[in-house]
Amino acid sequence: IDGVKQSVATGTTGTTWYENRKDVV
């Protein structure tokens, strides 16, 4: 994600991952 290898919960969406970034559409 954004160039960094990440471990995330199954079912994670872009909406939940970027919930604190209002500039991401």
PDB file of all heavy atoms in Angstrom:
ATOM      1  N   ILE A   1       0.850  -1.187   0.000  1.00  0.00           N
ATOM      2  CA  ILE A   1       0.000   0.000   0.000  1.00  0.00           C
ATOM      3  C   ILE A   1       0.886   1.237   0.000  1.00  0.00           C
ATOM      4  O   ILE A   1       1.713   1.421   0.902  1.00  0.00           O
ATOM      5  CB  ILE A   1      -0.936   0.031   1.227  1.00  0.00           C
ATOM      6  CG1 ILE A   1      -1.763  -1.255   1.308  1.00  0.00           C
ATOM      7  CG2 ILE A   1      -1.853   1.249   1.156  1.00  0.00           C
ATOM      8  CD1 ILE A   1      -2.656  -1.330   2.534  1.00  0.00           C
ATOM      9  N   ASP A   2       0.740   2.045  -1.034  1.00  0.00           N
ATOM     10  CA  ASP A   2       1.539   3.277  -1.170  1.00  0.00           C
ATOM     11  C   ASP A   2       3.025   2.983  -1.027  1.00  0.00           C
ATOM     12  O   ASP A   2       3.767   3.720  -0.359  1.00  0.00           O
ATOM     13  CB  ASP A   2       1.086   4.334  -0.164  1.00  0.00           C
ATOM     14  CG  ASP A   2      -0.330   4.825  -0.437  1.00  0.00           C
ATOM     15  OD1 ASP A   2      -0.718   4.881  -1.617  1.00  0.00           O
ATOM     16  OD2 ASP A   2      -1.052   5.126   0.530  1.00  0.00           O
ATOM     17  N   GLY A   3       3.448   1.863  -1.628  1.00  0.00           N
ATOM     18  CA  GLY A   3       4.865   1.525  -1.667  1.00  0.00           C
ATOM     19  C   GLY A   3       5.392   0.788  -0.457  1.00  0.00           C
ATOM     20  O   GLY A   3       6.580   0.447  -0.411  1.00  0.00           O
ATOM     21  N   VAL A   4       4.529   0.529   0.533  1.00  0.00           N
ATOM     22  CA  VAL A   4       4.968  -0.144   1.760  1.00  0.00           C
ATOM     23  C   VAL A   4       4.211  -1.465   1.907  1.00  0.00           C
ATOM     24  O   VAL A   4       2.983  -1.506   1.776  1.00  0.00           O
ATOM     25  CB  VAL A   4       4.700   0.738   2.999  1.00  0.00           C
ATOM     26  CG1 VAL A   4       5.124   0.009   4.276  1.00  0.00           C
ATOM     27  CG2 VAL A   4       5.434   2.065   2.866  1.00  0.00           C
ATOM     28  N   LYS A   5       4.933  -2.544   2.199  1.00  0.00           N
ATOM     29  CA  LYS A   5       4.290  -3.839   2.396  1.00  0.00           C
ATOM     30  C   LYS A   5       3.519  -3.811   3.712  1.00  0.00           C
ATOM     31  O   LYS A   5       4.048  -3.435   4.762  1.00  0.00           O
ATOM     32  CB  LYS A   5       5.336  -4.951   2.414  1.00  0.00           C
ATOM     33  CG  LYS A   5       4.731  -6.349   2.305  1.00  0.00           C
ATOM     34  CD  LYS A   5       5.796  -7.403   2.062  1.00  0.00           C
ATOM     35  CE  LYS A   5       5.171  -8.775   1.853  1.00  0.00           C
ATOM     36  NZ  LYS A   5       6.190  -9.812   1.561  1.00  0.00           N
ATOM     37  N   GLN A   6       2.235  -4.209   3.647  1.00  0.00           N
ATOM     38  CA  GLN A   6       1.364  -4.116   4.809  1.00  0.00           C
ATOM     39  C   GLN A   6       0.626  -5.444   5.022  1.00  0.00           C
ATOM     40  O   GLN A   6       0.354  -6.186   4.078  1.00  0.00           O
ATOM     41  CB  GLN A   6       0.298  -3.026   4.599  1.00  0.00           C
ATOM     42  CG  GLN A   6       0.848  -1.649   4.301  1.00  0.00           C
ATOM     43  CD  GLN A   6       1.203  -0.880   5.553  1.00  0.00           C
ATOM     44  OE1 GLN A   6       1.097  -1.393   6.673  1.00  0.00           O
ATOM     45  NE2 GLN A   6       1.628   0.360   5.381  1.00  0.00           N
ATOM     46  N   SER A   7       0.281  -5.699   6.272  1.00  0.00           N
ATOM     47  CA  SER A   7      -0.627  -6.790   6.626  1.00  0.00           C
ATOM     48  C   SER A   7      -1.908  -6.156   7.133  1.00  0.00           C
ATOM     49  O   SER A   7      -1.874  -5.360   8.089  1.00  0.00           O
ATOM     50  CB  SER A   7      -0.019  -7.682   7.710  1.00  0.00           C
ATOM     51  OG  SER A   7       1.115  -8.367   7.225  1.00  0.00           O
ATOM     52  N   VAL A   8      -3.037  -6.491   6.497  1.00  0.00           N
ATOM     53  CA  VAL A   8      -4.304  -5.875   6.871  1.00  0.00           C
ATOM     54  C   VAL A   8      -5.357  -6.951   7.060  1.00  0.00           C
ATOM     55  O   VAL A   8      -5.235  -8.077   6.557  1.00  0.00           O
ATOM     56  CB  VAL A   8      -4.782  -4.867   5.800  1.00  0.00           C
ATOM     57  CG1 VAL A   8      -3.747  -3.790   5.571  1.00  0.00           C
ATOM     58  CG2 VAL A   8      -5.111  -5.580   4.496  1.00  0.00           C
ATOM     59  N   ALA A   9      -6.392  -6.604   7.779  1.00  0.00           N
ATOM     60  CA  ALA A   9      -7.482  -7.545   8.025  1.00  0.00           C
ATOM     61  C   ALA A   9      -8.228  -7.841   6.734  1.00  0.00           C
ATOM     62  O   ALA A   9      -8.445  -6.943   5.902  1.00  0.00           O
ATOM     63  CB  ALA A   9      -8.437  -6.979   9.066  1.00  0.00           C
ATOM     64  N   THR A  10      -8.603  -9.085   6.569  1.00  0.00           N
ATOM     65  CA  THR A  10      -9.415  -9.466   5.414  1.00  0.00           C
ATOM     66  C   THR A  10     -10.700  -8.642   5.408  1.00  0.00           C
ATOM     67  O   THR A  10     -11.341  -8.459   6.448  1.00  0.00           O
ATOM     68  CB  THR A  10      -9.763 -10.963   5.482  1.00  0.00           C
ATOM     69  OG1 THR A  10      -8.562 -11.724   5.502  1.00  0.00           O
ATOM     70  CG2 THR A  10     -10.607 -11.380   4.277  1.00  0.00           C
ATOM     71  N   GLY A  11     -11.064  -8.135   4.230  1.00  0.00           N
ATOM     72  CA  GLY A  11     -12.264  -7.311   4.115  1.00  0.00           C
ATOM     73  C   GLY A  11     -12.000  -5.822   4.212  1.00  0.00           C
ATOM     74  O   GLY A  11     -12.930  -5.019   4.070  1.00  0.00           O
ATOM     75  N   THR A  12     -10.725  -5.439   4.443  1.00  0.00           N
ATOM     76  CA  THR A  12     -10.391  -4.010   4.501  1.00  0.00           C
ATOM     77  C   THR A  12     -10.649  -3.371   3.142  1.00  0.00           C
ATOM     78  O   THR A  12     -10.299  -3.919   2.097  1.00  0.00           O
ATOM     79  CB  THR A  12      -8.918  -3.813   4.892  1.00  0.00           C
ATOM     80  OG1 THR A  12      -8.696  -4.369   6.186  1.00  0.00           O
ATOM     81  CG2 THR A  12      -8.552  -2.333   4.907  1.00  0.00           C
ATOM     82  N   THR A  13     -11.240  -2.210   3.159  1.00  0.00           N
ATOM     83  CA  THR A  13     -11.503  -1.468   1.922  1.00  0.00           C
ATOM     84  C   THR A  13     -10.680  -0.187   1.894  1.00  0.00           C
ATOM     85  O   THR A  13     -10.115   0.237   2.918  1.00  0.00           O
ATOM     86  CB  THR A  13     -12.991  -1.100   1.804  1.00  0.00           C
ATOM     87  OG1 THR A  13     -13.307  -0.156   2.852  1.00  0.00           O
ATOM     88  CG2 THR A  13     -13.881  -2.315   1.928  1.00  0.00           C
ATOM     89  N   GLY A  14     -10.646   0.431   0.740  1.00  0.00           N
ATOM     90  CA  GLY A  14      -9.976   1.721   0.637  1.00  0.00           C
ATOM     91  C   GLY A  14     -10.618   2.751   1.536  1.00  0.00           C
ATOM     92  O   GLY A  14      -9.942   3.612   2.113  1.00  0.00           O
ATOM     93  N   THR A  15     -11.930   2.670   1.685  1.00  0.00           N
ATOM     94  CA  THR A  15     -12.651   3.625   2.526  1.00  0.00           C
ATOM     95  C   THR A  15     -12.181   3.544   3.979  1.00  0.00           C
ATOM     96  O   THR A  15     -11.940   4.579   4.621  1.00  0.00           O
ATOM     97  CB  THR A  15     -14.164   3.369   2.454  1.00  0.00           C
ATOM     98  OG1 THR A  15     -14.588   3.459   1.096  1.00  0.00           O
ATOM     99  CG2 THR A  15     -14.925   4.385   3.292  1.00  0.00           C
ATOM    100  N   THR A  16     -12.041   2.326   4.496  1.00  0.00           N
ATOM    101  CA  THR A  16     -11.616   2.187   5.893  1.00  0.00           C
ATOM    102  C   THR A  16     -10.138   2.504   6.058  1.00  0.00           C
ATOM    103  O   THR A  16      -9.735   3.098   7.057  1.00  0.00           O
ATOM    104  CB  THR A  16     -11.904   0.764   6.388  1.00  0.00           C
ATOM    105  OG1 THR A  16     -11.278  -0.193   5.510  1.00  0.00           O
ATOM    106  CG2 THR A  16     -13.389   0.496   6.419  1.00  0.00           C
ATOM    107  N   TRP A  17      -9.315   2.111   5.102  1.00  0.00           N
ATOM    108  CA  TRP A  17      -7.869   2.338   5.233  1.00  0.00           C
ATOM    109  C   TRP A  17      -7.543   3.833   5.188  1.00  0.00           C
ATOM    110  O   TRP A  17      -6.697   4.317   5.921  1.00  0.00           O
ATOM    111  CB  TRP A  17      -7.124   1.589   4.131  1.00  0.00           C
ATOM    112  CG  TRP A  17      -5.635   1.734   4.231  1.00  0.00           C
ATOM    113  CD1 TRP A  17      -4.834   2.608   3.572  1.00  0.00           C
ATOM    114  CD2 TRP A  17      -4.762   1.000   5.092  1.00  0.00           C
ATOM    115  NE1 TRP A  17      -3.524   2.467   3.941  1.00  0.00           N
ATOM    116  CE2 TRP A  17      -3.455   1.469   4.885  1.00  0.00           C
ATOM    117  CE3 TRP A  17      -4.965  -0.032   6.025  1.00  0.00           C
ATOM    118  CZ2 TRP A  17      -2.357   0.963   5.559  1.00  0.00           C
ATOM    119  CZ3 TRP A  17      -3.867  -0.547   6.692  1.00  0.00           C
ATOM    120  CH2 TRP A  17      -2.582  -0.048   6.452  1.00  0.00           C
ATOM    121  N   TYR A  18      -8.235   4.561   4.323  1.00  0.00           N
ATOM    122  CA  TYR A  18      -7.928   5.985   4.146  1.00  0.00           C
ATOM    123  C   TYR A  18      -8.980   6.872   4.835  1.00  0.00           C
ATOM    124  O   TYR A  18      -9.181   8.016   4.419  1.00  0.00           O
ATOM    125  CB  TYR A  18      -7.868   6.333   2.653  1.00  0.00           C
ATOM    126  CG  TYR A  18      -6.710   5.699   1.919  1.00  0.00           C
ATOM    127  CD1 TYR A  18      -6.922   4.638   1.043  1.00  0.00           C
ATOM    128  CD2 TYR A  18      -5.408   6.159   2.094  1.00  0.00           C
ATOM    129  CE1 TYR A  18      -5.869   4.051   0.358  1.00  0.00           C
ATOM    130  CE2 TYR A  18      -4.345   5.588   1.413  1.00  0.00           C
ATOM    131  CZ  TYR A  18      -4.575   4.526   0.548  1.00  0.00           C
ATOM    132  OH  TYR A  18      -3.526   3.953  -0.124  1.00  0.00           O
ATOM    133  N   GLU A  19      -9.613   6.386   5.907  1.00  0.00           N
ATOM    134  CA  GLU A  19     -10.692   7.149   6.532  1.00  0.00           C
ATOM    135  C   GLU A  19     -10.233   8.489   7.092  1.00  0.00           C
ATOM    136  O   GLU A  19     -11.041   9.414   7.237  1.00  0.00           O
ATOM    137  CB  GLU A  19     -11.349   6.315   7.632  1.00  0.00           C
ATOM    138  CG  GLU A  19     -10.416   5.936   8.777  1.00  0.00           C
ATOM    139  CD  GLU A  19     -11.144   5.090   9.822  1.00  0.00           C
ATOM    140  OE1 GLU A  19     -12.388   5.081   9.805  1.00  0.00           O
ATOM    141  OE2 GLU A  19     -10.459   4.440  10.634  1.00  0.00           O
ATOM    142  N   ASN A  20      -8.948   8.614   7.375  1.00  0.00           N
ATOM    143  CA  ASN A  20      -8.433   9.878   7.922  1.00  0.00           C
ATOM    144  C   ASN A  20      -7.841  10.791   6.856  1.00  0.00           C
ATOM    145  O   ASN A  20      -7.291  11.840   7.176  1.00  0.00           O
ATOM    146  CB  ASN A  20      -7.387   9.594   8.999  1.00  0.00           C
ATOM    147  CG  ASN A  20      -7.983   8.914  10.209  1.00  0.00           C
ATOM    148  OD1 ASN A  20      -9.111   9.228  10.621  1.00  0.00           O
ATOM    149  ND2 ASN A  20      -7.255   7.958  10.785  1.00  0.00           N
ATOM    150  N   ARG A  21      -7.939  10.354   5.604  1.00  0.00           N
ATOM    151  CA  ARG A  21      -7.410  11.182   4.511  1.00  0.00           C
ATOM    152  C   ARG A  21      -8.560  11.615   3.611  1.00  0.00           C
ATOM    153  O   ARG A  21      -9.031  10.866   2.758  1.00  0.00           O
ATOM    154  CB  ARG A  21      -6.366  10.406   3.700  1.00  0.00           C
ATOM    155  CG  ARG A  21      -5.036  10.255   4.424  1.00  0.00           C
ATOM    156  CD  ARG A  21      -3.969   9.742   3.467  1.00  0.00           C
ATOM    157  NE  ARG A  21      -3.792  10.630   2.328  1.00  0.00           N
ATOM    158  CZ  ARG A  21      -2.942  10.383   1.330  1.00  0.00           C
ATOM    159  NH1 ARG A  21      -2.224   9.261   1.334  1.00  0.00           N
ATOM    160  NH2 ARG A  21      -2.823  11.225   0.326  1.00  0.00           N
ATOM    161  N   LYS A  22      -9.002  12.845   3.797  1.00  0.00           N
ATOM    162  CA  LYS A  22     -10.149  13.354   3.050  1.00  0.00           C
ATOM    163  C   LYS A  22      -9.804  13.662   1.592  1.00  0.00           C
ATOM    164  O   LYS A  22     -10.702  13.853   0.767  1.00  0.00           O
ATOM    165  CB  LYS A  22     -10.689  14.624   3.717  1.00  0.00           C
ATOM    166  CG  LYS A  22     -11.122  14.404   5.171  1.00  0.00           C
ATOM    167  CD  LYS A  22     -12.158  13.297   5.289  1.00  0.00           C
ATOM    168  CE  LYS A  22     -12.597  13.107   6.734  1.00  0.00           C
ATOM    169  NZ  LYS A  22     -13.515  11.954   6.891  1.00  0.00           N
ATOM    170  N   ASP A  23      -8.486  13.702   1.268  1.00  0.00           N
ATOM    171  CA  ASP A  23      -8.093  14.017  -0.101  1.00  0.00           C
ATOM    172  C   ASP A  23      -8.108  12.798  -1.013  1.00  0.00           C
ATOM    173  O   ASP A  23      -8.009  12.911  -2.231  1.00  0.00           O
ATOM    174  CB  ASP A  23      -6.694  14.636  -0.129  1.00  0.00           C
ATOM    175  CG  ASP A  23      -5.625  13.708   0.447  1.00  0.00           C
ATOM    176  OD1 ASP A  23      -5.953  12.916   1.358  1.00  0.00           O
ATOM    177  OD2 ASP A  23      -4.470  13.776  -0.017  1.00  0.00           O
ATOM    178  N   VAL A  24      -8.230  11.588  -0.435  1.00  0.00           N
ATOM    179  CA  VAL A  24      -8.214  10.358  -1.230  1.00  0.00           C
ATOM    180  C   VAL A  24      -9.633  10.049  -1.691  1.00  0.00           C
ATOM    181  O   VAL A  24     -10.555   9.923  -0.879  1.00  0.00           O
ATOM    182  CB  VAL A  24      -7.644   9.178  -0.425  1.00  0.00           C
ATOM    183  CG1 VAL A  24      -7.685   7.895  -1.263  1.00  0.00           C
ATOM    184  CG2 VAL A  24      -6.209   9.480   0.009  1.00  0.00           C
ATOM    185  N   VAL A  25      -9.822   9.912  -3.014  1.00  0.00           N
ATOM    186  CA  VAL A  25     -11.158   9.702  -3.566  1.00  0.00           C
ATOM    187  C   VAL A  25     -11.307   8.363  -4.281  1.00  0.00           C
ATOM    188  O   VAL A  25     -12.417   7.951  -4.628  1.00  0.00           O
ATOM    189  CB  VAL A  25     -11.539  10.834  -4.537  1.00  0.00           C
ATOM    190  CG1 VAL A  25     -11.611  12.160  -3.804  1.00  0.00           C
ATOM    191  CG2 VAL A  25     -10.547  10.914  -5.701  1.00  0.00           C
TER     192      VAL A  25
END
